[in-house]
PDB file of N, CA and C in Angstrom:
ATOM      1  N   MET A   1     -23.508  14.919   8.499  1.00  0.00           N
ATOM      2  CA  MET A   1     -22.964  13.941   7.561  1.00  0.00           C
ATOM      3  C   MET A   1     -22.038  14.674   6.598  1.00  0.00           C
ATOM      4  N   SER A   2     -20.735  14.498   6.771  1.00  0.00           N
ATOM      5  CA  SER A   2     -19.768  15.225   5.959  1.00  0.00           C
ATOM      6  C   SER A   2     -19.818  14.825   4.494  1.00  0.00           C
ATOM      7  N   LEU A   3     -20.296  13.629   4.195  1.00  0.00           N
ATOM      8  CA  LEU A   3     -20.449  13.194   2.818  1.00  0.00           C
ATOM      9  C   LEU A   3     -21.377  14.142   2.056  1.00  0.00           C
ATOM     10  N   ARG A   4     -22.304  14.747   2.766  1.00  0.00           N
ATOM     11  CA  ARG A   4     -23.244  15.683   2.172  1.00  0.00           C
ATOM     12  C   ARG A   4     -22.776  17.120   2.368  1.00  0.00           C
ATOM     13  N   ASP A   5     -22.281  17.449   3.543  1.00  0.00           N
ATOM     14  CA  ASP A   5     -21.970  18.838   3.885  1.00  0.00           C
ATOM     15  C   ASP A   5     -20.737  19.394   3.190  1.00  0.00           C
ATOM     16  N   LEU A   6     -19.713  18.594   3.002  1.00  0.00           N
ATOM     17  CA  LEU A   6     -18.498  19.088   2.351  1.00  0.00           C
ATOM     18  C   LEU A   6     -18.757  19.523   0.908  1.00  0.00           C
ATOM     19  N   PRO A   7     -19.354  18.672   0.075  1.00  0.00           N
ATOM     20  CA  PRO A   7     -19.619  19.134  -1.289  1.00  0.00           C
ATOM     21  C   PRO A   7     -20.623  20.286  -1.319  1.00  0.00           C
ATOM     22  N   ALA A   8     -21.597  20.263  -0.417  1.00  0.00           N
ATOM     23  CA  ALA A   8     -22.600  21.329  -0.384  1.00  0.00           C
ATOM     24  C   ALA A   8     -21.952  22.672  -0.082  1.00  0.00           C
ATOM     25  N   SER A   9     -21.059  22.697   0.889  1.00  0.00           N
ATOM     26  CA  SER A   9     -20.376  23.947   1.250  1.00  0.00           C
ATOM     27  C   SER A   9     -19.467  24.423   0.133  1.00  0.00           C
ATOM     28  N   ALA A  10     -18.767  23.504  -0.507  1.00  0.00           N
ATOM     29  CA  ALA A  10     -17.894  23.884  -1.618  1.00  0.00           C
ATOM     30  C   ALA A  10     -18.700  24.503  -2.749  1.00  0.00           C
ATOM     31  N   ILE A  11     -19.786  23.867  -3.112  1.00  0.00           N
ATOM     32  CA  ILE A  11     -20.644  24.391  -4.184  1.00  0.00           C
ATOM     33  C   ILE A  11     -21.219  25.736  -3.775  1.00  0.00           C
ATOM     34  N   TYR A  12     -21.659  25.832  -2.552  1.00  0.00           N
ATOM     35  CA  TYR A  12     -22.302  27.036  -2.017  1.00  0.00           C
ATOM     36  C   TYR A  12     -21.375  28.251  -2.096  1.00  0.00           C
ATOM     37  N   PHE A  13     -20.186  28.133  -1.523  1.00  0.00           N
ATOM     38  CA  PHE A  13     -19.295  29.291  -1.452  1.00  0.00           C
ATOM     39  C   PHE A  13     -18.639  29.614  -2.790  1.00  0.00           C
ATOM     40  N   VAL A  14     -18.254  28.599  -3.544  1.00  0.00           N
ATOM     41  CA  VAL A  14     -17.640  28.847  -4.846  1.00  0.00           C
ATOM     42  C   VAL A  14     -18.658  29.480  -5.800  1.00  0.00           C
ATOM     43  N   SER A  15     -19.857  28.943  -5.830  1.00  0.00           N
ATOM     44  CA  SER A  15     -20.865  29.509  -6.740  1.00  0.00           C
ATOM     45  C   SER A  15     -21.265  30.915  -6.314  1.00  0.00           C
ATOM     46  N   TYR A  16     -21.316  31.181  -5.012  1.00  0.00           N
ATOM     47  CA  TYR A  16     -21.633  32.533  -4.555  1.00  0.00           C
ATOM     48  C   TYR A  16     -20.566  33.520  -4.992  1.00  0.00           C
ATOM     49  N   GLU A  17     -19.330  33.211  -4.716  1.00  0.00           N
ATOM     50  CA  GLU A  17     -18.235  34.128  -5.056  1.00  0.00           C
ATOM     51  C   GLU A  17     -18.186  34.391  -6.559  1.00  0.00           C
ATOM     52  N   GLU A  18     -18.355  33.350  -7.349  1.00  0.00           N
ATOM     53  CA  GLU A  18     -18.312  33.520  -8.801  1.00  0.00           C
ATOM     54  C   GLU A  18     -19.513  34.322  -9.296  1.00  0.00           C
ATOM     55  N   ALA A  19     -20.697  34.017  -8.797  1.00  0.00           N
ATOM     56  CA  ALA A  19     -21.904  34.733  -9.234  1.00  0.00           C
ATOM     57  C   ALA A  19     -21.868  36.196  -8.824  1.00  0.00           C
ATOM     58  N   VAL A  20     -21.470  36.488  -7.604  1.00  0.00           N
ATOM     59  CA  VAL A  20     -21.451  37.878  -7.149  1.00  0.00           C
ATOM     60  C   VAL A  20     -20.392  38.672  -7.922  1.00  0.00           C
ATOM     61  N   ARG A  21     -19.264  38.037  -8.213  1.00  0.00           N
ATOM     62  CA  ARG A  21     -18.211  38.706  -8.989  1.00  0.00           C
ATOM     63  C   ARG A  21     -18.711  39.047 -10.393  1.00  0.00           C
ATOM     64  N   ARG A  22     -19.355  38.081 -11.035  1.00  0.00           N
ATOM     65  CA  ARG A  22     -19.854  38.308 -12.403  1.00  0.00           C
ATOM     66  C   ARG A  22     -20.984  39.345 -12.431  1.00  0.00           C
ATOM     67  N   LEU A  23     -21.889  39.258 -11.488  1.00  0.00           N
ATOM     68  CA  LEU A  23     -23.003  40.211 -11.452  1.00  0.00           C
ATOM     69  C   LEU A  23     -22.512  41.631 -11.200  1.00  0.00           C
ATOM     70  N   ARG A  24     -21.607  41.781 -10.255  1.00  0.00           N
ATOM     71  CA  ARG A  24     -21.088  43.119  -9.950  1.00  0.00           C
ATOM     72  C   ARG A  24     -20.267  43.675 -11.106  1.00  0.00           C
ATOM     73  N   SER A  25     -19.465  42.842 -11.746  1.00  0.00           N
ATOM     74  CA  SER A  25     -18.654  43.335 -12.867  1.00  0.00           C
ATOM     75  C   SER A  25     -19.519  43.689 -14.073  1.00  0.00           C
ATOM     76  N   ALA A  26     -20.688  43.076 -14.171  1.00  0.00           N
ATOM     77  CA  ALA A  26     -21.623  43.399 -15.256  1.00  0.00           C
ATOM     78  C   ALA A  26     -22.474  44.623 -14.925  1.00  0.00           C
ATOM     79  N   GLY A  27     -22.291  45.169 -13.709  1.00  0.00           N
ATOM     80  CA  GLY A  27     -23.037  46.357 -13.315  1.00  0.00           C
ATOM     81  C   GLY A  27     -24.456  46.069 -12.860  1.00  0.00           C
ATOM     82  N   PHE A  28     -24.711  44.836 -12.457  1.00  0.00           N
ATOM     83  CA  PHE A  28     -26.057  44.466 -12.011  1.00  0.00           C
ATOM     84  C   PHE A  28     -26.381  45.126 -10.683  1.00  0.00           C
ATOM     85  N   GLY A  29     -27.516  45.755 -10.618  1.00  0.00           N
ATOM     86  CA  GLY A  29     -28.017  46.288  -9.351  1.00  0.00           C
ATOM     87  C   GLY A  29     -27.470  47.651  -8.994  1.00  0.00           C
ATOM     88  N   ASP A  30     -27.458  47.920  -7.714  1.00  0.00           N
ATOM     89  CA  ASP A  30     -27.092  49.245  -7.202  1.00  0.00           C
ATOM     90  C   ASP A  30     -25.578  49.406  -7.041  1.00  0.00           C
ATOM     91  N   ARG A  31     -25.173  50.581  -6.628  1.00  0.00           N
ATOM     92  CA  ARG A  31     -23.757  50.931  -6.482  1.00  0.00           C
ATOM     93  C   ARG A  31     -23.038  50.046  -5.470  1.00  0.00           C
ATOM     94  N   ARG A  32     -23.694  49.708  -4.374  1.00  0.00           N
ATOM     95  CA  ARG A  32     -23.065  48.913  -3.310  1.00  0.00           C
ATOM     96  C   ARG A  32     -23.052  47.419  -3.616  1.00  0.00           C
ATOM     97  N   GLY A  33     -23.809  47.002  -4.597  1.00  0.00           N
ATOM     98  CA  GLY A  33     -23.824  45.589  -4.951  1.00  0.00           C
ATOM     99  C   GLY A  33     -24.759  44.743  -4.123  1.00  0.00           C
ATOM    100  N   LEU A  34     -25.726  45.372  -3.442  1.00  0.00           N
ATOM    101  CA  LEU A  34     -26.656  44.597  -2.612  1.00  0.00           C
ATOM    102  C   LEU A  34     -27.520  43.664  -3.456  1.00  0.00           C
ATOM    103  N   ALA A  35     -27.998  44.169  -4.588  1.00  0.00           N
ATOM    104  CA  ALA A  35     -28.839  43.332  -5.446  1.00  0.00           C
ATOM    105  C   ALA A  35     -28.041  42.137  -5.965  1.00  0.00           C
ATOM    106  N   ALA A  36     -26.793  42.374  -6.331  1.00  0.00           N
ATOM    107  CA  ALA A  36     -25.943  41.277  -6.806  1.00  0.00           C
ATOM    108  C   ALA A  36     -25.728  40.251  -5.698  1.00  0.00           C
ATOM    109  N   SER A  37     -25.511  40.718  -4.476  1.00  0.00           N
ATOM    110  CA  SER A  37     -25.337  39.796  -3.346  1.00  0.00           C
ATOM    111  C   SER A  37     -26.597  38.981  -3.098  1.00  0.00           C
ATOM    112  N   LEU A  38     -27.751  39.635  -3.172  1.00  0.00           N
ATOM    113  CA  LEU A  38     -29.014  38.922  -2.956  1.00  0.00           C
ATOM    114  C   LEU A  38     -29.225  37.831  -3.997  1.00  0.00           C
ATOM    115  N   VAL A  39     -29.058  38.191  -5.262  1.00  0.00           N
ATOM    116  CA  VAL A  39     -29.281  37.217  -6.335  1.00  0.00           C
ATOM    117  C   VAL A  39     -28.230  36.105  -6.277  1.00  0.00           C
ATOM    118  N   ALA A  40     -26.972  36.472  -6.098  1.00  0.00           N
ATOM    119  CA  ALA A  40     -25.905  35.467  -6.038  1.00  0.00           C
ATOM    120  C   ALA A  40     -26.091  34.536  -4.841  1.00  0.00           C
ATOM    121  N   GLY A  41     -26.469  35.093  -3.693  1.00  0.00           N
ATOM    122  CA  GLY A  41     -26.703  34.269  -2.510  1.00  0.00           C
ATOM    123  C   GLY A  41     -27.845  33.293  -2.720  1.00  0.00           C
ATOM    124  N   GLY A  42     -28.923  33.779  -3.318  1.00  0.00           N
ATOM    125  CA  GLY A  42     -30.051  32.898  -3.599  1.00  0.00           C
ATOM    126  C   GLY A  42     -29.678  31.790  -4.561  1.00  0.00           C
ATOM    127  N   CYS A  43     -28.968  32.153  -5.611  1.00  0.00           N
ATOM    128  CA  CYS A  43     -28.554  31.150  -6.605  1.00  0.00           C
ATOM    129  C   CYS A  43     -27.567  30.141  -6.013  1.00  0.00           C
ATOM    130  N   ALA A  44     -26.692  30.595  -5.136  1.00  0.00           N
ATOM    131  CA  ALA A  44     -25.741  29.684  -4.492  1.00  0.00           C
ATOM    132  C   ALA A  44     -26.467  28.662  -3.622  1.00  0.00           C
ATOM    133  N   GLY A  45     -27.468  29.121  -2.894  1.00  0.00           N
ATOM    134  CA  GLY A  45     -28.248  28.197  -2.075  1.00  0.00           C
ATOM    135  C   GLY A  45     -28.983  27.174  -2.915  1.00  0.00           C
ATOM    136  N   VAL A  46     -29.562  27.627  -4.015  1.00  0.00           N
ATOM    137  CA  VAL A  46     -30.279  26.715  -4.916  1.00  0.00           C
ATOM    138  C   VAL A  46     -29.309  25.713  -5.535  1.00  0.00           C
ATOM    139  N   ALA A  47     -28.165  26.186  -6.031  1.00  0.00           N
ATOM    140  CA  ALA A  47     -27.183  25.290  -6.656  1.00  0.00           C
ATOM    141  C   ALA A  47     -26.714  24.224  -5.677  1.00  0.00           C
ATOM    142  N   SER A  48     -26.472  24.641  -4.458  1.00  0.00           N
ATOM    143  CA  SER A  48     -26.013  23.705  -3.439  1.00  0.00           C
ATOM    144  C   SER A  48     -27.050  22.620  -3.176  1.00  0.00           C
ATOM    145  N   TRP A  49     -28.300  23.022  -2.984  1.00  0.00           N
ATOM    146  CA  TRP A  49     -29.339  22.045  -2.675  1.00  0.00           C
ATOM    147  C   TRP A  49     -29.679  21.146  -3.857  1.00  0.00           C
ATOM    148  N   VAL A  50     -29.673  21.668  -5.069  1.00  0.00           N
ATOM    149  CA  VAL A  50     -29.947  20.828  -6.242  1.00  0.00           C
ATOM    150  C   VAL A  50     -28.872  19.755  -6.359  1.00  0.00           C
ATOM    151  N   ALA A  51     -27.640  20.131  -6.080  1.00  0.00           N
ATOM    152  CA  ALA A  51     -26.532  19.174  -6.193  1.00  0.00           C
ATOM    153  C   ALA A  51     -26.550  18.104  -5.115  1.00  0.00           C
ATOM    154  N   ILE A  52     -26.915  18.465  -3.901  1.00  0.00           N
ATOM    155  CA  ILE A  52     -26.782  17.492  -2.809  1.00  0.00           C
ATOM    156  C   ILE A  52     -28.107  16.906  -2.331  1.00  0.00           C
ATOM    157  N   LEU A  53     -29.221  17.335  -2.905  1.00  0.00           N
ATOM    158  CA  LEU A  53     -30.505  16.790  -2.461  1.00  0.00           C
ATOM    159  C   LEU A  53     -30.571  15.265  -2.553  1.00  0.00           C
ATOM    160  N   PRO A  54     -30.036  14.634  -3.609  1.00  0.00           N
ATOM    161  CA  PRO A  54     -30.064  13.159  -3.614  1.00  0.00           C
ATOM    162  C   PRO A  54     -29.358  12.545  -2.399  1.00  0.00           C
ATOM    163  N   LEU A  55     -28.232  13.116  -2.000  1.00  0.00           N
ATOM    164  CA  LEU A  55     -27.538  12.613  -0.804  1.00  0.00           C
ATOM    165  C   LEU A  55     -28.369  12.850   0.453  1.00  0.00           C
ATOM    166  N   ASP A  56     -29.053  13.978   0.501  1.00  0.00           N
ATOM    167  CA  ASP A  56     -29.892  14.287   1.657  1.00  0.00           C
ATOM    168  C   ASP A  56     -31.082  13.337   1.742  1.00  0.00           C
ATOM    169  N   VAL A  57     -31.653  12.994   0.594  1.00  0.00           N
ATOM    170  CA  VAL A  57     -32.777  12.049   0.565  1.00  0.00           C
ATOM    171  C   VAL A  57     -32.317  10.684   1.071  1.00  0.00           C
ATOM    172  N   VAL A  58     -31.154  10.222   0.605  1.00  0.00           N
ATOM    173  CA  VAL A  58     -30.627   8.932   1.073  1.00  0.00           C
ATOM    174  C   VAL A  58     -30.369   8.986   2.579  1.00  0.00           C
ATOM    175  N   LYS A  59     -29.754  10.068   3.041  1.00  0.00           N
ATOM    176  CA  LYS A  59     -29.472  10.227   4.473  1.00  0.00           C
ATOM    177  C   LYS A  59     -30.763  10.179   5.290  1.00  0.00           C
ATOM    178  N   SER A  60     -31.775  10.898   4.829  1.00  0.00           N
ATOM    179  CA  SER A  60     -33.044  10.949   5.561  1.00  0.00           C
ATOM    180  C   SER A  60     -33.719   9.586   5.609  1.00  0.00           C
ATOM    181  N   HIS A  61     -33.741   8.881   4.487  1.00  0.00           N
ATOM    182  CA  HIS A  61     -34.337   7.538   4.467  1.00  0.00           C
ATOM    183  C   HIS A  61     -33.569   6.599   5.387  1.00  0.00           C
ATOM    184  N   PHE A  62     -32.246   6.673   5.332  1.00  0.00           N
ATOM    185  CA  PHE A  62     -31.408   5.810   6.152  1.00  0.00           C
ATOM    186  C   PHE A  62     -31.614   6.096   7.641  1.00  0.00           C
ATOM    187  N   GLN A  63     -31.737   7.351   8.002  1.00  0.00           N
ATOM    188  CA  GLN A  63     -31.949   7.713   9.408  1.00  0.00           C
ATOM    189  C   GLN A  63     -33.318   7.270   9.911  1.00  0.00           C
ATOM    190  N   MET A  64     -34.312   7.211   9.018  1.00  0.00           N
ATOM    191  CA  MET A  64     -35.657   6.793   9.432  1.00  0.00           C
ATOM    192  C   MET A  64     -35.751   5.291   9.676  1.00  0.00           C
ATOM    193  N   ASP A  65     -34.745   4.547   9.257  1.00  0.00           N
ATOM    194  CA  ASP A  65     -34.715   3.108   9.475  1.00  0.00           C
ATOM    195  C   ASP A  65     -34.091   2.836  10.850  1.00  0.00           C
ATOM    196  N   PHE A  66     -34.863   3.151  11.904  1.00  0.00           N
ATOM    197  CA  PHE A  66     -34.364   3.095  13.283  1.00  0.00           C
ATOM    198  C   PHE A  66     -33.817   1.728  13.682  1.00  0.00           C
ATOM    199  N   ASP A  67     -34.528   0.687  13.320  1.00  0.00           N
ATOM    200  CA  ASP A  67     -34.127  -0.644  13.773  1.00  0.00           C
ATOM    201  C   ASP A  67     -33.207  -1.361  12.782  1.00  0.00           C
ATOM    202  N   GLY A  68     -32.899  -0.737  11.660  1.00  0.00           N
ATOM    203  CA  GLY A  68     -31.980  -1.321  10.690  1.00  0.00           C
ATOM    204  C   GLY A  68     -32.521  -2.503   9.921  1.00  0.00           C
ATOM    205  N   ARG A  69     -33.827  -2.620   9.854  1.00  0.00           N
ATOM    206  CA  ARG A  69     -34.429  -3.759   9.161  1.00  0.00           C
ATOM    207  C   ARG A  69     -34.661  -3.500   7.673  1.00  0.00           C
ATOM    208  N   LYS A  70     -34.793  -2.249   7.305  1.00  0.00           N
ATOM    209  CA  LYS A  70     -35.137  -1.935   5.918  1.00  0.00           C
ATOM    210  C   LYS A  70     -33.910  -1.844   5.016  1.00  0.00           C
ATOM    211  N   TYR A  71     -32.835  -1.232   5.509  1.00  0.00           N
ATOM    212  CA  TYR A  71     -31.634  -1.005   4.697  1.00  0.00           C
ATOM    213  C   TYR A  71     -30.421  -1.677   5.336  1.00  0.00           C
ATOM    214  N   ARG A  72     -29.612  -2.334   4.493  1.00  0.00           N
ATOM    215  CA  ARG A  72     -28.385  -2.992   4.972  1.00  0.00           C
ATOM    216  C   ARG A  72     -27.200  -2.029   4.991  1.00  0.00           C
ATOM    217  N   GLY A  73     -27.374  -0.859   4.398  1.00  0.00           N
ATOM    218  CA  GLY A  73     -26.313   0.145   4.338  1.00  0.00           C
ATOM    219  C   GLY A  73     -26.743   1.269   3.418  1.00  0.00           C
ATOM    220  N   LEU A  74     -25.859   2.248   3.240  1.00  0.00           N
ATOM    221  CA  LEU A  74     -26.195   3.408   2.409  1.00  0.00           C
ATOM    222  C   LEU A  74     -26.390   3.033   0.942  1.00  0.00           C
ATOM    223  N   VAL A  75     -25.564   2.134   0.442  1.00  0.00           N
ATOM    224  CA  VAL A  75     -25.690   1.727  -0.966  1.00  0.00           C
ATOM    225  C   VAL A  75     -27.023   1.013  -1.180  1.00  0.00           C
ATOM    226  N   HIS A  76     -27.387   0.143  -0.248  1.00  0.00           N
ATOM    227  CA  HIS A  76     -28.671  -0.551  -0.348  1.00  0.00           C
ATOM    228  C   HIS A  76     -29.824   0.447  -0.272  1.00  0.00           C
ATOM    229  N   CYS A  77     -29.699   1.437   0.576  1.00  0.00           N
ATOM    230  CA  CYS A  77     -30.710   2.486   0.700  1.00  0.00           C
ATOM    231  C   CYS A  77     -30.845   3.232  -0.625  1.00  0.00           C
ATOM    232  N   PHE A  78     -29.719   3.617  -1.215  1.00  0.00           N
ATOM    233  CA  PHE A  78     -29.704   4.316  -2.499  1.00  0.00           C
ATOM    234  C   PHE A  78     -30.402   3.481  -3.569  1.00  0.00           C
ATOM    235  N   ARG A  79     -30.034   2.217  -3.645  1.00  0.00           N
ATOM    236  CA  ARG A  79     -30.624   1.329  -4.658  1.00  0.00           C
ATOM    237  C   ARG A  79     -32.122   1.136  -4.438  1.00  0.00           C
ATOM    238  N   SER A  80     -32.529   1.052  -3.193  1.00  0.00           N
ATOM    239  CA  SER A  80     -33.952   0.876  -2.886  1.00  0.00           C
ATOM    240  C   SER A  80     -34.765   2.104  -3.298  1.00  0.00           C
ATOM    241  N   ILE A  81     -34.233   3.283  -3.016  1.00  0.00           N
ATOM    242  CA  ILE A  81     -34.928   4.524  -3.412  1.00  0.00           C
ATOM    243  C   ILE A  81     -35.025   4.595  -4.927  1.00  0.00           C
ATOM    244  N   TYR A  82     -33.913   4.314  -5.600  1.00  0.00           N
ATOM    245  CA  TYR A  82     -33.895   4.353  -7.061  1.00  0.00           C
ATOM    246  C   TYR A  82     -34.858   3.319  -7.643  1.00  0.00           C
ATOM    247  N   GLY A  83     -34.857   2.125  -7.071  1.00  0.00           N
ATOM    248  CA  GLY A  83     -35.745   1.072  -7.553  1.00  0.00           C
ATOM    249  C   GLY A  83     -37.213   1.420  -7.383  1.00  0.00           C
ATOM    250  N   ALA A  84     -37.535   2.136  -6.321  1.00  0.00           N
ATOM    251  CA  ALA A  84     -38.934   2.482  -6.046  1.00  0.00           C
ATOM    252  C   ALA A  84     -39.422   3.667  -6.868  1.00  0.00           C
ATOM    253  N   GLY A  85     -38.539   4.600  -7.223  1.00  0.00           N
ATOM    254  CA  GLY A  85     -39.034   5.797  -7.896  1.00  0.00           C
ATOM    255  C   GLY A  85     -38.144   6.381  -8.965  1.00  0.00           C
ATOM    256  N   GLY A  86     -37.051   5.719  -9.287  1.00  0.00           N
ATOM    257  CA  GLY A  86     -36.143   6.232 -10.311  1.00  0.00           C
ATOM    258  C   GLY A  86     -35.424   7.486  -9.839  1.00  0.00           C
ATOM    259  N   LEU A  87     -34.830   8.210 -10.772  1.00  0.00           N
ATOM    260  CA  LEU A  87     -34.072   9.423 -10.440  1.00  0.00           C
ATOM    261  C   LEU A  87     -34.923  10.489  -9.767  1.00  0.00           C
ATOM    262  N   LEU A  88     -36.175  10.592 -10.173  1.00  0.00           N
ATOM    263  CA  LEU A  88     -37.049  11.626  -9.591  1.00  0.00           C
ATOM    264  C   LEU A  88     -37.255  11.435  -8.090  1.00  0.00           C
ATOM    265  N   ALA A  89     -37.120  10.224  -7.616  1.00  0.00           N
ATOM    266  CA  ALA A  89     -37.303   9.957  -6.184  1.00  0.00           C
ATOM    267  C   ALA A  89     -36.259  10.695  -5.344  1.00  0.00           C
ATOM    268  N   PHE A  90     -35.103  10.969  -5.934  1.00  0.00           N
ATOM    269  CA  PHE A  90     -34.044  11.667  -5.208  1.00  0.00           C
ATOM    270  C   PHE A  90     -34.285  13.180  -5.149  1.00  0.00           C
ATOM    271  N   TYR A  91     -35.255  13.635  -5.895  1.00  0.00           N
ATOM    272  CA  TYR A  91     -35.572  15.069  -5.911  1.00  0.00           C
ATOM    273  C   TYR A  91     -36.969  15.356  -5.355  1.00  0.00           C
ATOM    274  N   ALA A  92     -37.469  14.462  -4.530  1.00  0.00           N
ATOM    275  CA  ALA A  92     -38.757  14.688  -3.870  1.00  0.00           C
ATOM    276  C   ALA A  92     -38.636  15.913  -2.965  1.00  0.00           C
ATOM    277  N   GLY A  93     -39.557  16.835  -3.080  1.00  0.00           N
ATOM    278  CA  GLY A  93     -39.533  18.042  -2.258  1.00  0.00           C
ATOM    279  C   GLY A  93     -38.602  19.118  -2.765  1.00  0.00           C
ATOM    280  N   LEU A  94     -38.168  19.013  -4.008  1.00  0.00           N
ATOM    281  CA  LEU A  94     -37.209  19.971  -4.558  1.00  0.00           C
ATOM    282  C   LEU A  94     -37.740  21.400  -4.591  1.00  0.00           C
ATOM    283  N   VAL A  95     -38.971  21.599  -5.039  1.00  0.00           N
ATOM    284  CA  VAL A  95     -39.489  22.963  -5.204  1.00  0.00           C
ATOM    285  C   VAL A  95     -39.529  23.728  -3.880  1.00  0.00           C
ATOM    286  N   PRO A  96     -40.159  23.211  -2.828  1.00  0.00           N
ATOM    287  CA  PRO A  96     -40.135  23.977  -1.573  1.00  0.00           C
ATOM    288  C   PRO A  96     -38.721  24.153  -1.028  1.00  0.00           C
ATOM    289  N   CYS A  97     -37.864  23.158  -1.266  1.00  0.00           N
ATOM    290  CA  CYS A  97     -36.491  23.244  -0.786  1.00  0.00           C
ATOM    291  C   CYS A  97     -35.748  24.394  -1.460  1.00  0.00           C
ATOM    292  N   VAL A  98     -35.861  24.527  -2.781  1.00  0.00           N
ATOM    293  CA  VAL A  98     -35.110  25.583  -3.470  1.00  0.00           C
ATOM    294  C   VAL A  98     -35.730  26.960  -3.259  1.00  0.00           C
ATOM    295  N   VAL A  99     -37.037  27.033  -3.065  1.00  0.00           N
ATOM    296  CA  VAL A  99     -37.649  28.327  -2.752  1.00  0.00           C
ATOM    297  C   VAL A  99     -37.124  28.826  -1.408  1.00  0.00           C
ATOM    298  N   ARG A 100     -37.133  27.943  -0.419  1.00  0.00           N
ATOM    299  CA  ARG A 100     -36.597  28.296   0.898  1.00  0.00           C
ATOM    300  C   ARG A 100     -35.108  28.622   0.812  1.00  0.00           C
ATOM    301  N   ALA A 101     -34.375  27.819   0.046  1.00  0.00           N
ATOM    302  CA  ALA A 101     -32.930  28.022  -0.084  1.00  0.00           C
ATOM    303  C   ALA A 101     -32.611  29.370  -0.723  1.00  0.00           C
ATOM    304  N   PHE A 102     -33.369  29.753  -1.744  1.00  0.00           N
ATOM    305  CA  PHE A 102     -33.099  31.032  -2.407  1.00  0.00           C
ATOM    306  C   PHE A 102     -33.287  32.187  -1.429  1.00  0.00           C
ATOM    307  N   ILE A 103     -34.421  32.204  -0.769  1.00  0.00           N
ATOM    308  CA  ILE A 103     -34.727  33.309   0.145  1.00  0.00           C
ATOM    309  C   ILE A 103     -33.738  33.353   1.310  1.00  0.00           C
ATOM    310  N   THR A 104     -33.555  32.228   1.955  1.00  0.00           N
ATOM    311  CA  THR A 104     -32.687  32.162   3.135  1.00  0.00           C
ATOM    312  C   THR A 104     -31.246  32.548   2.810  1.00  0.00           C
ATOM    313  N   ASN A 105     -30.696  31.968   1.764  1.00  0.00           N
ATOM    314  CA  ASN A 105     -29.297  32.200   1.445  1.00  0.00           C
ATOM    315  C   ASN A 105     -29.052  33.564   0.827  1.00  0.00           C
ATOM    316  N   ALA A 106     -30.050  34.119   0.157  1.00  0.00           N
ATOM    317  CA  ALA A 106     -29.923  35.492  -0.336  1.00  0.00           C
ATOM    318  C   ALA A 106     -29.718  36.440   0.843  1.00  0.00           C
ATOM    319  N   VAL A 107     -30.516  36.260   1.875  1.00  0.00           N
ATOM    320  CA  VAL A 107     -30.419  37.121   3.057  1.00  0.00           C
ATOM    321  C   VAL A 107     -29.131  36.844   3.835  1.00  0.00           C
ATOM    322  N   ILE A 108     -28.836  35.581   4.075  1.00  0.00           N
ATOM    323  CA  ILE A 108     -27.667  35.228   4.886  1.00  0.00           C
ATOM    324  C   ILE A 108     -26.377  35.774   4.277  1.00  0.00           C
ATOM    325  N   LEU A 109     -26.166  35.530   3.002  1.00  0.00           N
ATOM    326  CA  LEU A 109     -24.902  35.947   2.399  1.00  0.00           C
ATOM    327  C   LEU A 109     -24.823  37.458   2.205  1.00  0.00           C
ATOM    328  N   THR A 110     -25.944  38.103   1.963  1.00  0.00           N
ATOM    329  CA  THR A 110     -25.932  39.562   1.834  1.00  0.00           C
ATOM    330  C   THR A 110     -25.627  40.208   3.179  1.00  0.00           C
ATOM    331  N   VAL A 111     -26.252  39.731   4.230  1.00  0.00           N
ATOM    332  CA  VAL A 111     -25.983  40.263   5.572  1.00  0.00           C
ATOM    333  C   VAL A 111     -24.528  39.995   5.952  1.00  0.00           C
ATOM    334  N   ASN A 112     -24.034  38.806   5.631  1.00  0.00           N
ATOM    335  CA  ASN A 112     -22.634  38.479   5.911  1.00  0.00           C
ATOM    336  C   ASN A 112     -21.692  39.458   5.196  1.00  0.00           C
ATOM    337  N   ASP A 113     -21.939  39.708   3.928  1.00  0.00           N
ATOM    338  CA  ASP A 113     -21.096  40.645   3.172  1.00  0.00           C
ATOM    339  C   ASP A 113     -21.162  42.051   3.766  1.00  0.00           C
ATOM    340  N   GLU A 114     -22.350  42.486   4.145  1.00  0.00           N
ATOM    341  CA  GLU A 114     -22.499  43.827   4.713  1.00  0.00           C
ATOM    342  C   GLU A 114     -21.798  43.936   6.068  1.00  0.00           C
ATOM    343  N   CYS A 115     -21.897  42.903   6.884  1.00  0.00           N
ATOM    344  CA  CYS A 115     -21.192  42.913   8.182  1.00  0.00           C
ATOM    345  C   CYS A 115     -19.684  42.955   7.984  1.00  0.00           C
ATOM    346  N   LEU A 116     -19.182  42.178   7.047  1.00  0.00           N
ATOM    347  CA  LEU A 116     -17.750  42.207   6.757  1.00  0.00           C
ATOM    348  C   LEU A 116     -17.312  43.585   6.252  1.00  0.00           C
ATOM    349  N   ARG A 117     -18.130  44.171   5.396  1.00  0.00           N
ATOM    350  CA  ARG A 117     -17.816  45.500   4.866  1.00  0.00           C
ATOM    351  C   ARG A 117     -17.779  46.530   6.009  1.00  0.00           C
ATOM    352  N   MET A 118     -18.721  46.451   6.938  1.00  0.00           N
ATOM    353  CA  MET A 118     -18.758  47.398   8.067  1.00  0.00           C
ATOM    354  C   MET A 118     -17.578  47.163   9.006  1.00  0.00           C
ATOM    355  N   LEU A 119     -17.199  45.921   9.236  1.00  0.00           N
ATOM    356  CA  LEU A 119     -16.065  45.627  10.102  1.00  0.00           C
ATOM    357  C   LEU A 119     -14.747  46.117   9.495  1.00  0.00           C
ATOM    358  N   LYS A 120     -14.621  46.024   8.179  1.00  0.00           N
ATOM    359  CA  LYS A 120     -13.397  46.494   7.515  1.00  0.00           C
ATOM    360  C   LYS A 120     -13.275  48.017   7.564  1.00  0.00           C
ATOM    361  N   ARG A 121     -14.417  48.701   7.591  1.00  0.00           N
ATOM    362  CA  ARG A 121     -14.416  50.170   7.663  1.00  0.00           C
ATOM    363  C   ARG A 121     -13.965  50.650   9.031  1.00  0.00           C
ATOM    364  N   ASN A 122     -14.269  49.913  10.060  1.00  0.00           N
ATOM    365  CA  ASN A 122     -13.961  50.350  11.433  1.00  0.00           C
ATOM    366  C   ASN A 122     -12.659  49.860  11.923  1.00  0.00           C
TER     367      ASN A 122
END
């Protein structure tokens, strides 16, 4: 669903680049910047998921309506979720999601940076 993935990717990569730049320029971590990459990657994953989790919740609810009897469309789905649980309903499962996002994205972006660094050397 590009409605969810486009903003998520923009937030993810922009926040990573900005965080890693600021952390490294502040002298955070080791000489190679691995600690900065880990922290920035984790924070980028968390920022992305916090921003788009409401869209993901709507998407998931809408997809579970196999026969189309519960929701007349995405807006109706959004309103139904909000009506049933308010704003907090859009952040159901946030804690496990951001814990997983921090760990996963810290590793992914750090490994990506290290692979790029090794490829540029050769």
